Amino acid sequence: MPYKNLNSEERRESVKILYSNAISGITISTVVSFILVFAFDLSNQQISYEKNIWLSIMIILLAARAIDVVWFYKTKKDNPLFNADKYSKRFSTGCILTALSWCGYAL
């Protein structure tokens, strides 16, 4: 069913489901990021420097997403009739930026 066909309550429920699974995804991304940077050969200083820059960007993105999750739960607690479209866009933006960062690792 397309998202635009959902009523407000169904949209809020879909956003709740997205955010309920966000912490595990952020945690896994953090662990794998550290493994990719520090588990392989670090003898080449240029590559090591580039990996550390990538890791810094990734950690900043994941921290921002984690803050967004905490903010969502606070808002949901304070206002059960929160704006689902706003949080859906924020969640999607965080996922897309994280995916772009993963793509950057290969470069």
PDB file of N, CA and C in Angstrom:
ATOM      1  N   MET A   1       0.838  -1.166   0.000  1.00  0.00           N
ATOM      2  CA  MET A   1       0.000   0.000   0.000  1.00  0.00           C
ATOM      3  C   MET A   1       0.895   1.245   0.000  1.00  0.00           C
ATOM      4  N   PRO A   2       0.706   2.151  -0.927  1.00  0.00           N
ATOM      5  CA  PRO A   2       1.514   3.375  -0.968  1.00  0.00           C
ATOM      6  C   PRO A   2       1.336   4.207   0.301  1.00  0.00           C
ATOM      7  N   TYR A   3       2.402   4.918   0.654  1.00  0.00           N
ATOM      8  CA  TYR A   3       2.416   5.699   1.886  1.00  0.00           C
ATOM      9  C   TYR A   3       1.342   6.784   1.887  1.00  0.00           C
ATOM     10  N   LYS A   4       1.078   7.392   0.749  1.00  0.00           N
ATOM     11  CA  LYS A   4       0.105   8.488   0.682  1.00  0.00           C
ATOM     12  C   LYS A   4      -1.325   8.019   0.945  1.00  0.00           C
ATOM     13  N   ASN A   5      -1.581   6.739   0.810  1.00  0.00           N
ATOM     14  CA  ASN A   5      -2.923   6.208   1.059  1.00  0.00           C
ATOM     15  C   ASN A   5      -3.181   5.906   2.531  1.00  0.00           C
ATOM     16  N   LEU A   6      -2.172   6.083   3.372  1.00  0.00           N
ATOM     17  CA  LEU A   6      -2.331   5.784   4.789  1.00  0.00           C
ATOM     18  C   LEU A   6      -2.923   6.984   5.523  1.00  0.00           C
ATOM     19  N   ASN A   7      -3.736   6.702   6.535  1.00  0.00           N
ATOM     20  CA  ASN A   7      -4.235   7.802   7.360  1.00  0.00           C
ATOM     21  C   ASN A   7      -3.174   8.196   8.380  1.00  0.00           C
ATOM     22  N   SER A   8      -3.424   9.220   9.146  1.00  0.00           N
ATOM     23  CA  SER A   8      -2.420   9.766  10.079  1.00  0.00           C
ATOM     24  C   SER A   8      -1.961   8.741  11.108  1.00  0.00           C
ATOM     25  N   GLU A   9      -2.897   7.969  11.636  1.00  0.00           N
ATOM     26  CA  GLU A   9      -2.530   6.971  12.654  1.00  0.00           C
ATOM     27  C   GLU A   9      -1.651   5.873  12.048  1.00  0.00           C
ATOM     28  N   GLU A  10      -1.971   5.426  10.861  1.00  0.00           N
ATOM     29  CA  GLU A  10      -1.160   4.398  10.198  1.00  0.00           C
ATOM     30  C   GLU A  10       0.238   4.935   9.878  1.00  0.00           C
ATOM     31  N   ARG A  11       0.340   6.197   9.507  1.00  0.00           N
ATOM     32  CA  ARG A  11       1.654   6.806   9.242  1.00  0.00           C
ATOM     33  C   ARG A  11       2.471   6.871  10.528  1.00  0.00           C
ATOM     34  N   ARG A  12       1.841   7.250  11.623  1.00  0.00           N
ATOM     35  CA  ARG A  12       2.563   7.279  12.901  1.00  0.00           C
ATOM     36  C   ARG A  12       3.057   5.883  13.276  1.00  0.00           C
ATOM     37  N   GLU A  13       2.234   4.872  13.058  1.00  0.00           N
ATOM     38  CA  GLU A  13       2.640   3.497  13.367  1.00  0.00           C
ATOM     39  C   GLU A  13       3.816   3.051  12.495  1.00  0.00           C
ATOM     40  N   SER A  14       3.795   3.424  11.219  1.00  0.00           N
ATOM     41  CA  SER A  14       4.904   3.039  10.337  1.00  0.00           C
ATOM     42  C   SER A  14       6.207   3.710  10.764  1.00  0.00           C
ATOM     43  N   VAL A  15       6.120   4.955  11.195  1.00  0.00           N
ATOM     44  CA  VAL A  15       7.319   5.659  11.670  1.00  0.00           C
ATOM     45  C   VAL A  15       7.811   5.040  12.972  1.00  0.00           C
ATOM     46  N   LYS A  16       6.896   4.655  13.849  1.00  0.00           N
ATOM     47  CA  LYS A  16       7.289   3.990  15.100  1.00  0.00           C
ATOM     48  C   LYS A  16       8.046   2.700  14.806  1.00  0.00           C
ATOM     49  N   ILE A  17       7.600   1.949  13.815  1.00  0.00           N
ATOM     50  CA  ILE A  17       8.281   0.702  13.450  1.00  0.00           C
ATOM     51  C   ILE A  17       9.689   0.996  12.927  1.00  0.00           C
ATOM     52  N   LEU A  18       9.818   2.006  12.089  1.00  0.00           N
ATOM     53  CA  LEU A  18      11.143   2.370  11.576  1.00  0.00           C
ATOM     54  C   LEU A  18      12.092   2.719  12.717  1.00  0.00           C
ATOM     55  N   TYR A  19      11.641   3.588  13.606  1.00  0.00           N
ATOM     56  CA  TYR A  19      12.503   4.026  14.703  1.00  0.00           C
ATOM     57  C   TYR A  19      12.759   2.924  15.725  1.00  0.00           C
ATOM     58  N   SER A  20      11.837   1.982  15.869  1.00  0.00           N
ATOM     59  CA  SER A  20      12.063   0.905  16.837  1.00  0.00           C
ATOM     60  C   SER A  20      13.210  -0.003  16.420  1.00  0.00           C
ATOM     61  N   ASN A  21      13.497  -0.065  15.132  1.00  0.00           N
ATOM     62  CA  ASN A  21      14.602  -0.900  14.645  1.00  0.00           C
ATOM     63  C   ASN A  21      15.876  -0.107  14.369  1.00  0.00           C
ATOM     64  N   ALA A  22      15.859   1.186  14.593  1.00  0.00           N
ATOM     65  CA  ALA A  22      16.998   2.030  14.229  1.00  0.00           C
ATOM     66  C   ALA A  22      18.224   1.785  15.102  1.00  0.00           C
ATOM     67  N   ILE A  23      18.039   1.584  16.391  1.00  0.00           N
ATOM     68  CA  ILE A  23      19.191   1.444  17.292  1.00  0.00           C
ATOM     69  C   ILE A  23      20.044   0.235  16.916  1.00  0.00           C
ATOM     70  N   SER A  24      19.415  -0.880  16.588  1.00  0.00           N
ATOM     71  CA  SER A  24      20.202  -2.065  16.214  1.00  0.00           C
ATOM     72  C   SER A  24      20.967  -1.812  14.920  1.00  0.00           C
ATOM     73  N   GLY A  25      20.365  -1.140  13.953  1.00  0.00           N
ATOM     74  CA  GLY A  25      21.060  -0.830  12.709  1.00  0.00           C
ATOM     75  C   GLY A  25      22.215   0.125  12.913  1.00  0.00           C
ATOM     76  N   ILE A  26      22.023   1.126  13.756  1.00  0.00           N
ATOM     77  CA  ILE A  26      23.094   2.084  14.050  1.00  0.00           C
ATOM     78  C   ILE A  26      24.240   1.384  14.775  1.00  0.00           C
ATOM     79  N   THR A  27      23.906   0.503  15.711  1.00  0.00           N
ATOM     80  CA  THR A  27      24.937  -0.230  16.458  1.00  0.00           C
ATOM     81  C   THR A  27      25.751  -1.127  15.533  1.00  0.00           C
ATOM     82  N   ILE A  28      25.087  -1.870  14.673  1.00  0.00           N
ATOM     83  CA  ILE A  28      25.791  -2.758  13.743  1.00  0.00           C
ATOM     84  C   ILE A  28      26.676  -1.944  12.802  1.00  0.00           C
ATOM     85  N   SER A  29      26.171  -0.846  12.298  1.00  0.00           N
ATOM     86  CA  SER A  29      26.971   0.002  11.403  1.00  0.00           C
ATOM     87  C   SER A  29      28.211   0.532  12.105  1.00  0.00           C
ATOM     88  N   THR A  30      28.071   0.902  13.369  1.00  0.00           N
ATOM     89  CA  THR A  30      29.216   1.401  14.131  1.00  0.00           C
ATOM     90  C   THR A  30      30.272   0.315  14.308  1.00  0.00           C
ATOM     91  N   VAL A  31      29.840  -0.865  14.719  1.00  0.00           N
ATOM     92  CA  VAL A  31      30.783  -1.973  14.946  1.00  0.00           C
ATOM     93  C   VAL A  31      31.501  -2.349  13.648  1.00  0.00           C
ATOM     94  N   VAL A  32      30.749  -2.490  12.568  1.00  0.00           N
ATOM     95  CA  VAL A  32      31.349  -2.880  11.288  1.00  0.00           C
ATOM     96  C   VAL A  32      32.285  -1.790  10.775  1.00  0.00           C
ATOM     97  N   SER A  33      31.955  -0.546  10.997  1.00  0.00           N
ATOM     98  CA  SER A  33      32.834   0.553  10.573  1.00  0.00           C
ATOM     99  C   SER A  33      34.188   0.449  11.260  1.00  0.00           C
ATOM    100  N   PHE A  34      34.171   0.230  12.570  1.00  0.00           N
ATOM    101  CA  PHE A  34      35.429   0.088  13.299  1.00  0.00           C
ATOM    102  C   PHE A  34      36.211  -1.138  12.832  1.00  0.00           C
ATOM    103  N   ILE A  35      35.516  -2.232  12.581  1.00  0.00           N
ATOM    104  CA  ILE A  35      36.195  -3.445  12.106  1.00  0.00           C
ATOM    105  C   ILE A  35      36.858  -3.195  10.760  1.00  0.00           C
ATOM    106  N   LEU A  36      36.149  -2.548   9.839  1.00  0.00           N
ATOM    107  CA  LEU A  36      36.725  -2.289   8.512  1.00  0.00           C
ATOM    108  C   LEU A  36      37.936  -1.372   8.570  1.00  0.00           C
ATOM    109  N   VAL A  37      37.943  -0.447   9.480  1.00  0.00           N
ATOM    110  CA  VAL A  37      39.060   0.498   9.557  1.00  0.00           C
ATOM    111  C   VAL A  37      40.255  -0.105  10.288  1.00  0.00           C
ATOM    112  N   PHE A  38      40.014  -0.812  11.388  1.00  0.00           N
ATOM    113  CA  PHE A  38      41.122  -1.240  12.231  1.00  0.00           C
ATOM    114  C   PHE A  38      41.509  -2.710  12.106  1.00  0.00           C
ATOM    115  N   ALA A  39      40.732  -3.534  11.429  1.00  0.00           N
ATOM    116  CA  ALA A  39      41.044  -4.963  11.369  1.00  0.00           C
ATOM    117  C   ALA A  39      41.970  -5.326  10.209  1.00  0.00           C
ATOM    118  N   PHE A  40      42.155  -4.429   9.280  1.00  0.00           N
ATOM    119  CA  PHE A  40      42.976  -4.737   8.119  1.00  0.00           C
ATOM    120  C   PHE A  40      44.325  -4.035   8.202  1.00  0.00           C
ATOM    121  N   ASP A  41      45.184  -4.310   7.249  1.00  0.00           N
ATOM    122  CA  ASP A  41      46.546  -3.789   7.223  1.00  0.00           C
ATOM    123  C   ASP A  41      46.549  -2.257   7.279  1.00  0.00           C
ATOM    124  N   LEU A  42      47.259  -1.729   8.267  1.00  0.00           N
ATOM    125  CA  LEU A  42      47.350  -0.281   8.433  1.00  0.00           C
ATOM    126  C   LEU A  42      48.748   0.249   8.115  1.00  0.00           C
ATOM    127  N   SER A  43      49.555  -0.532   7.387  1.00  0.00           N
ATOM    128  CA  SER A  43      50.933  -0.121   7.118  1.00  0.00           C
ATOM    129  C   SER A  43      51.016   1.043   6.136  1.00  0.00           C
ATOM    130  N   ASN A  44      50.070   1.173   5.235  1.00  0.00           N
ATOM    131  CA  ASN A  44      50.068   2.284   4.287  1.00  0.00           C
ATOM    132  C   ASN A  44      49.448   3.506   4.975  1.00  0.00           C
ATOM    133  N   GLN A  45      50.275   4.504   5.261  1.00  0.00           N
ATOM    134  CA  GLN A  45      49.819   5.677   6.019  1.00  0.00           C
ATOM    135  C   GLN A  45      48.738   6.477   5.296  1.00  0.00           C
ATOM    136  N   GLN A  46      48.831   6.600   3.952  1.00  0.00           N
ATOM    137  CA  GLN A  46      47.843   7.364   3.195  1.00  0.00           C
ATOM    138  C   GLN A  46      46.461   6.707   3.291  1.00  0.00           C
ATOM    139  N   ILE A  47      46.424   5.404   3.093  1.00  0.00           N
ATOM    140  CA  ILE A  47      45.148   4.684   3.179  1.00  0.00           C
ATOM    141  C   ILE A  47      44.617   4.727   4.607  1.00  0.00           C
ATOM    142  N   SER A  48      45.495   4.578   5.586  1.00  0.00           N
ATOM    143  CA  SER A  48      45.081   4.632   6.979  1.00  0.00           C
ATOM    144  C   SER A  48      44.474   5.999   7.306  1.00  0.00           C
ATOM    145  N   TYR A  49      45.078   7.078   6.821  1.00  0.00           N
ATOM    146  CA  TYR A  49      44.564   8.426   7.045  1.00  0.00           C
ATOM    147  C   TYR A  49      43.180   8.581   6.419  1.00  0.00           C
ATOM    148  N   GLU A  50      43.017   8.088   5.190  1.00  0.00           N
ATOM    149  CA  GLU A  50      41.730   8.188   4.504  1.00  0.00           C
ATOM    150  C   GLU A  50      40.646   7.372   5.220  1.00  0.00           C
ATOM    151  N   LYS A  51      41.024   6.201   5.716  1.00  0.00           N
ATOM    152  CA  LYS A  51      40.059   5.385   6.459  1.00  0.00           C
ATOM    153  C   LYS A  51      39.629   6.078   7.745  1.00  0.00           C
ATOM    154  N   ASN A  52      40.568   6.734   8.403  1.00  0.00           N
ATOM    155  CA  ASN A  52      40.216   7.444   9.635  1.00  0.00           C
ATOM    156  C   ASN A  52      39.288   8.626   9.366  1.00  0.00           C
ATOM    157  N   ILE A  53      39.483   9.311   8.249  1.00  0.00           N
ATOM    158  CA  ILE A  53      38.584  10.394   7.867  1.00  0.00           C
ATOM    159  C   ILE A  53      37.190   9.817   7.600  1.00  0.00           C
ATOM    160  N   TRP A  54      37.140   8.715   6.841  1.00  0.00           N
ATOM    161  CA  TRP A  54      35.850   8.078   6.565  1.00  0.00           C
ATOM    162  C   TRP A  54      35.170   7.656   7.861  1.00  0.00           C
ATOM    163  N   LEU A  55      35.936   7.057   8.776  1.00  0.00           N
ATOM    164  CA  LEU A  55      35.368   6.613  10.053  1.00  0.00           C
ATOM    165  C   LEU A  55      34.821   7.798  10.837  1.00  0.00           C
ATOM    166  N   SER A  56      35.521   8.905  10.835  1.00  0.00           N
ATOM    167  CA  SER A  56      35.047  10.100  11.542  1.00  0.00           C
ATOM    168  C   SER A  56      33.719  10.580  10.972  1.00  0.00           C
ATOM    169  N   ILE A  57      33.617  10.626   9.653  1.00  0.00           N
ATOM    170  CA  ILE A  57      32.366  11.040   9.009  1.00  0.00           C
ATOM    171  C   ILE A  57      31.246  10.069   9.360  1.00  0.00           C
ATOM    172  N   MET A  58      31.549   8.787   9.299  1.00  0.00           N
ATOM    173  CA  MET A  58      30.536   7.771   9.597  1.00  0.00           C
ATOM    174  C   MET A  58      30.070   7.868  11.045  1.00  0.00           C
ATOM    175  N   ILE A  59      30.983   8.063  11.973  1.00  0.00           N
ATOM    176  CA  ILE A  59      30.611   8.153  13.389  1.00  0.00           C
ATOM    177  C   ILE A  59      29.749   9.395  13.635  1.00  0.00           C
ATOM    178  N   ILE A  60      30.081  10.502  12.974  1.00  0.00           N
ATOM    179  CA  ILE A  60      29.267  11.714  13.115  1.00  0.00           C
ATOM    180  C   ILE A  60      27.852  11.465  12.595  1.00  0.00           C
ATOM    181  N   LEU A  61      27.738  10.821  11.436  1.00  0.00           N
ATOM    182  CA  LEU A  61      26.417  10.502  10.881  1.00  0.00           C
ATOM    183  C   LEU A  61      25.631   9.576  11.800  1.00  0.00           C
ATOM    184  N   LEU A  62      26.286   8.544  12.294  1.00  0.00           N
ATOM    185  CA  LEU A  62      25.592   7.586  13.154  1.00  0.00           C
ATOM    186  C   LEU A  62      25.210   8.215  14.497  1.00  0.00           C
ATOM    187  N   ALA A  63      26.051   9.107  14.998  1.00  0.00           N
ATOM    188  CA  ALA A  63      25.710   9.812  16.239  1.00  0.00           C
ATOM    189  C   ALA A  63      24.501  10.719  16.012  1.00  0.00           C
ATOM    190  N   ALA A  64      24.461  11.388  14.867  1.00  0.00           N
ATOM    191  CA  ALA A  64      23.314  12.241  14.548  1.00  0.00           C
ATOM    192  C   ALA A  64      22.043  11.409  14.444  1.00  0.00           C
ATOM    193  N   ARG A  65      22.155  10.234  13.842  1.00  0.00           N
ATOM    194  CA  ARG A  65      20.982   9.350  13.752  1.00  0.00           C
ATOM    195  C   ARG A  65      20.547   8.866  15.126  1.00  0.00           C
ATOM    196  N   ALA A  66      21.511   8.558  15.995  1.00  0.00           N
ATOM    197  CA  ALA A  66      21.176   8.113  17.354  1.00  0.00           C
ATOM    198  C   ALA A  66      20.491   9.242  18.130  1.00  0.00           C
ATOM    199  N   ILE A  67      20.970  10.464  17.964  1.00  0.00           N
ATOM    200  CA  ILE A  67      20.323  11.615  18.611  1.00  0.00           C
ATOM    201  C   ILE A  67      18.907  11.778  18.080  1.00  0.00           C
ATOM    202  N   ASP A  68      18.739  11.572  16.778  1.00  0.00           N
ATOM    203  CA  ASP A  68      17.404  11.664  16.184  1.00  0.00           C
ATOM    204  C   ASP A  68      16.466  10.616  16.777  1.00  0.00           C
ATOM    205  N   VAL A  69      16.971   9.417  17.017  1.00  0.00           N
ATOM    206  CA  VAL A  69      16.141   8.361  17.620  1.00  0.00           C
ATOM    207  C   VAL A  69      15.710   8.767  19.030  1.00  0.00           C
ATOM    208  N   VAL A  70      16.665   9.273  19.814  1.00  0.00           N
ATOM    209  CA  VAL A  70      16.335   9.711  21.173  1.00  0.00           C
ATOM    210  C   VAL A  70      15.319  10.850  21.126  1.00  0.00           C
ATOM    211  N   TRP A  71      15.522  11.784  20.221  1.00  0.00           N
ATOM    212  CA  TRP A  71      14.606  12.912  20.067  1.00  0.00           C
ATOM    213  C   TRP A  71      13.210  12.416  19.676  1.00  0.00           C
ATOM    214  N   PHE A  72      13.166  11.432  18.777  1.00  0.00           N
ATOM    215  CA  PHE A  72      11.874  10.871  18.372  1.00  0.00           C
ATOM    216  C   PHE A  72      11.138  10.280  19.572  1.00  0.00           C
ATOM    217  N   TYR A  73      11.835   9.479  20.386  1.00  0.00           N
ATOM    218  CA  TYR A  73      11.173   8.860  21.535  1.00  0.00           C
ATOM    219  C   TYR A  73      10.706   9.894  22.545  1.00  0.00           C
ATOM    220  N   LYS A  74      11.478  10.962  22.716  1.00  0.00           N
ATOM    221  CA  LYS A  74      11.055  12.040  23.618  1.00  0.00           C
ATOM    222  C   LYS A  74       9.808  12.724  23.069  1.00  0.00           C
ATOM    223  N   THR A  75       9.804  13.018  21.764  1.00  0.00           N
ATOM    224  CA  THR A  75       8.649  13.672  21.150  1.00  0.00           C
ATOM    225  C   THR A  75       7.422  12.772  21.211  1.00  0.00           C
ATOM    226  N   LYS A  76       7.620  11.486  20.930  1.00  0.00           N
ATOM    227  CA  LYS A  76       6.500  10.539  20.950  1.00  0.00           C
ATOM    228  C   LYS A  76       5.890  10.447  22.346  1.00  0.00           C
ATOM    229  N   LYS A  77       6.752  10.508  23.354  1.00  0.00           N
ATOM    230  CA  LYS A  77       6.272  10.440  24.731  1.00  0.00           C
ATOM    231  C   LYS A  77       5.499  11.717  25.094  1.00  0.00           C
ATOM    232  N   ASP A  78       6.034  12.881  24.696  1.00  0.00           N
ATOM    233  CA  ASP A  78       5.399  14.157  25.021  1.00  0.00           C
ATOM    234  C   ASP A  78       4.157  14.437  24.178  1.00  0.00           C
ATOM    235  N   ASN A  79       4.180  13.975  22.919  1.00  0.00           N
ATOM    236  CA  ASN A  79       3.086  14.276  21.996  1.00  0.00           C
ATOM    237  C   ASN A  79       2.760  13.028  21.179  1.00  0.00           C
ATOM    238  N   PRO A  80       1.807  12.218  21.620  1.00  0.00           N
ATOM    239  CA  PRO A  80       1.477  10.992  20.888  1.00  0.00           C
ATOM    240  C   PRO A  80       0.964  11.238  19.465  1.00  0.00           C
ATOM    241  N   LEU A  81       0.491  12.438  19.186  1.00  0.00           N
ATOM    242  CA  LEU A  81       0.006  12.767  17.845  1.00  0.00           C
ATOM    243  C   LEU A  81       1.061  13.557  17.069  1.00  0.00           C
ATOM    244  N   PHE A  82       2.304  13.060  17.086  1.00  0.00           N
ATOM    245  CA  PHE A  82       3.422  13.732  16.421  1.00  0.00           C
ATOM    246  C   PHE A  82       3.232  13.754  14.903  1.00  0.00           C
ATOM    247  N   ASN A  83       3.996  14.619  14.236  1.00  0.00           N
ATOM    248  CA  ASN A  83       3.950  14.759  12.781  1.00  0.00           C
ATOM    249  C   ASN A  83       4.754  13.616  12.144  1.00  0.00           C
ATOM    250  N   ALA A  84       4.093  12.607  11.652  1.00  0.00           N
ATOM    251  CA  ALA A  84       4.755  11.418  11.107  1.00  0.00           C
ATOM    252  C   ALA A  84       5.553  11.739   9.847  1.00  0.00           C
ATOM    253  N   ASP A  85       5.062  12.655   9.020  1.00  0.00           N
ATOM    254  CA  ASP A  85       5.773  12.982   7.779  1.00  0.00           C
ATOM    255  C   ASP A  85       7.151  13.575   8.064  1.00  0.00           C
ATOM    256  N   LYS A  86       7.224  14.448   9.060  1.00  0.00           N
ATOM    257  CA  LYS A  86       8.495  15.077   9.424  1.00  0.00           C
ATOM    258  C   LYS A  86       9.513  14.020   9.860  1.00  0.00           C
ATOM    259  N   TYR A  87       9.084  13.112  10.722  1.00  0.00           N
ATOM    260  CA  TYR A  87      10.011  12.096  11.214  1.00  0.00           C
ATOM    261  C   TYR A  87      10.339  11.055  10.145  1.00  0.00           C
ATOM    262  N   SER A  88       9.422  10.786   9.261  1.00  0.00           N
ATOM    263  CA  SER A  88       9.696   9.868   8.162  1.00  0.00           C
ATOM    264  C   SER A  88      10.780  10.438   7.247  1.00  0.00           C
ATOM    265  N   LYS A  89      10.696  11.724   6.958  1.00  0.00           N
ATOM    266  CA  LYS A  89      11.710  12.370   6.118  1.00  0.00           C
ATOM    267  C   LYS A  89      13.063  12.402   6.819  1.00  0.00           C
ATOM    268  N   ARG A  90      13.056  12.675   8.124  1.00  0.00           N
ATOM    269  CA  ARG A  90      14.318  12.692   8.863  1.00  0.00           C
ATOM    270  C   ARG A  90      14.961  11.311   8.888  1.00  0.00           C
ATOM    271  N   PHE A  91      14.145  10.295   9.124  1.00  0.00           N
ATOM    272  CA  PHE A  91      14.667   8.930   9.156  1.00  0.00           C
ATOM    273  C   PHE A  91      15.239   8.554   7.786  1.00  0.00           C
ATOM    274  N   SER A  92      14.510   8.851   6.728  1.00  0.00           N
ATOM    275  CA  SER A  92      14.948   8.530   5.371  1.00  0.00           C
ATOM    276  C   SER A  92      16.236   9.265   5.016  1.00  0.00           C
ATOM    277  N   THR A  93      16.320  10.524   5.393  1.00  0.00           N
ATOM    278  CA  THR A  93      17.538  11.296   5.116  1.00  0.00           C
ATOM    279  C   THR A  93      18.737  10.680   5.822  1.00  0.00           C
ATOM    280  N   GLY A  94      18.559  10.285   7.076  1.00  0.00           N
ATOM    281  CA  GLY A  94      19.651   9.646   7.814  1.00  0.00           C
ATOM    282  C   GLY A  94      20.094   8.342   7.164  1.00  0.00           C
ATOM    283  N   CYS A  95      19.142   7.549   6.698  1.00  0.00           N
ATOM    284  CA  CYS A  95      19.476   6.280   6.025  1.00  0.00           C
ATOM    285  C   CYS A  95      20.218   6.521   4.718  1.00  0.00           C
ATOM    286  N   ILE A  96      19.765   7.491   3.958  1.00  0.00           N
ATOM    287  CA  ILE A  96      20.412   7.781   2.671  1.00  0.00           C
ATOM    288  C   ILE A  96      21.827   8.311   2.888  1.00  0.00           C
ATOM    289  N   LEU A  97      22.015   9.204   3.857  1.00  0.00           N
ATOM    290  CA  LEU A  97      23.355   9.718   4.127  1.00  0.00           C
ATOM    291  C   LEU A  97      24.293   8.609   4.617  1.00  0.00           C
ATOM    292  N   THR A  98      23.768   7.696   5.424  1.00  0.00           N
ATOM    293  CA  THR A  98      24.582   6.566   5.884  1.00  0.00           C
ATOM    294  C   THR A  98      24.954   5.661   4.709  1.00  0.00           C
ATOM    295  N   ALA A  99      24.018   5.423   3.820  1.00  0.00           N
ATOM    296  CA  ALA A  99      24.297   4.595   2.635  1.00  0.00           C
ATOM    297  C   ALA A  99      25.353   5.255   1.747  1.00  0.00           C
ATOM    298  N   LEU A 100      25.264   6.566   1.590  1.00  0.00           N
ATOM    299  CA  LEU A 100      26.283   7.284   0.801  1.00  0.00           C
ATOM    300  C   LEU A 100      27.652   7.197   1.448  1.00  0.00           C
ATOM    301  N   SER A 101      27.676   7.241   2.771  1.00  0.00           N
ATOM    302  CA  SER A 101      28.952   7.101   3.477  1.00  0.00           C
ATOM    303  C   SER A 101      29.534   5.701   3.270  1.00  0.00           C
ATOM    304  N   TRP A 102      28.665   4.675   3.300  1.00  0.00           N
ATOM    305  CA  TRP A 102      29.151   3.318   3.021  1.00  0.00           C
ATOM    306  C   TRP A 102      29.703   3.228   1.612  1.00  0.00           C
ATOM    307  N   CYS A 103      29.078   3.881   0.671  1.00  0.00           N
ATOM    308  CA  CYS A 103      29.578   3.890  -0.710  1.00  0.00           C
ATOM    309  C   CYS A 103      30.949   4.571  -0.760  1.00  0.00           C
ATOM    310  N   GLY A 104      31.122   5.600   0.051  1.00  0.00           N
ATOM    311  CA  GLY A 104      32.395   6.317   0.087  1.00  0.00           C
ATOM    312  C   GLY A 104      33.540   5.467   0.584  1.00  0.00           C
ATOM    313  N   TYR A 105      33.254   4.458   1.380  1.00  0.00           N
ATOM    314  CA  TYR A 105      34.334   3.582   1.871  1.00  0.00           C
ATOM    315  C   TYR A 105      35.015   2.870   0.714  1.00  0.00           C
ATOM    316  N   ALA A 106      34.241   2.471  -0.264  1.00  0.00           N
ATOM    317  CA  ALA A 106      34.807   1.734  -1.412  1.00  0.00           C
ATOM    318  C   ALA A 106      35.697   2.616  -2.283  1.00  0.00           C
ATOM    319  N   LEU A 107      35.455   3.906  -2.252  1.00  0.00           N
ATOM    320  CA  LEU A 107      36.235   4.806  -3.082  1.00  0.00           C
ATOM    321  C   LEU A 107      37.581   5.045  -2.460  1.00  0.00           C
TER     322      LEU A 107
END
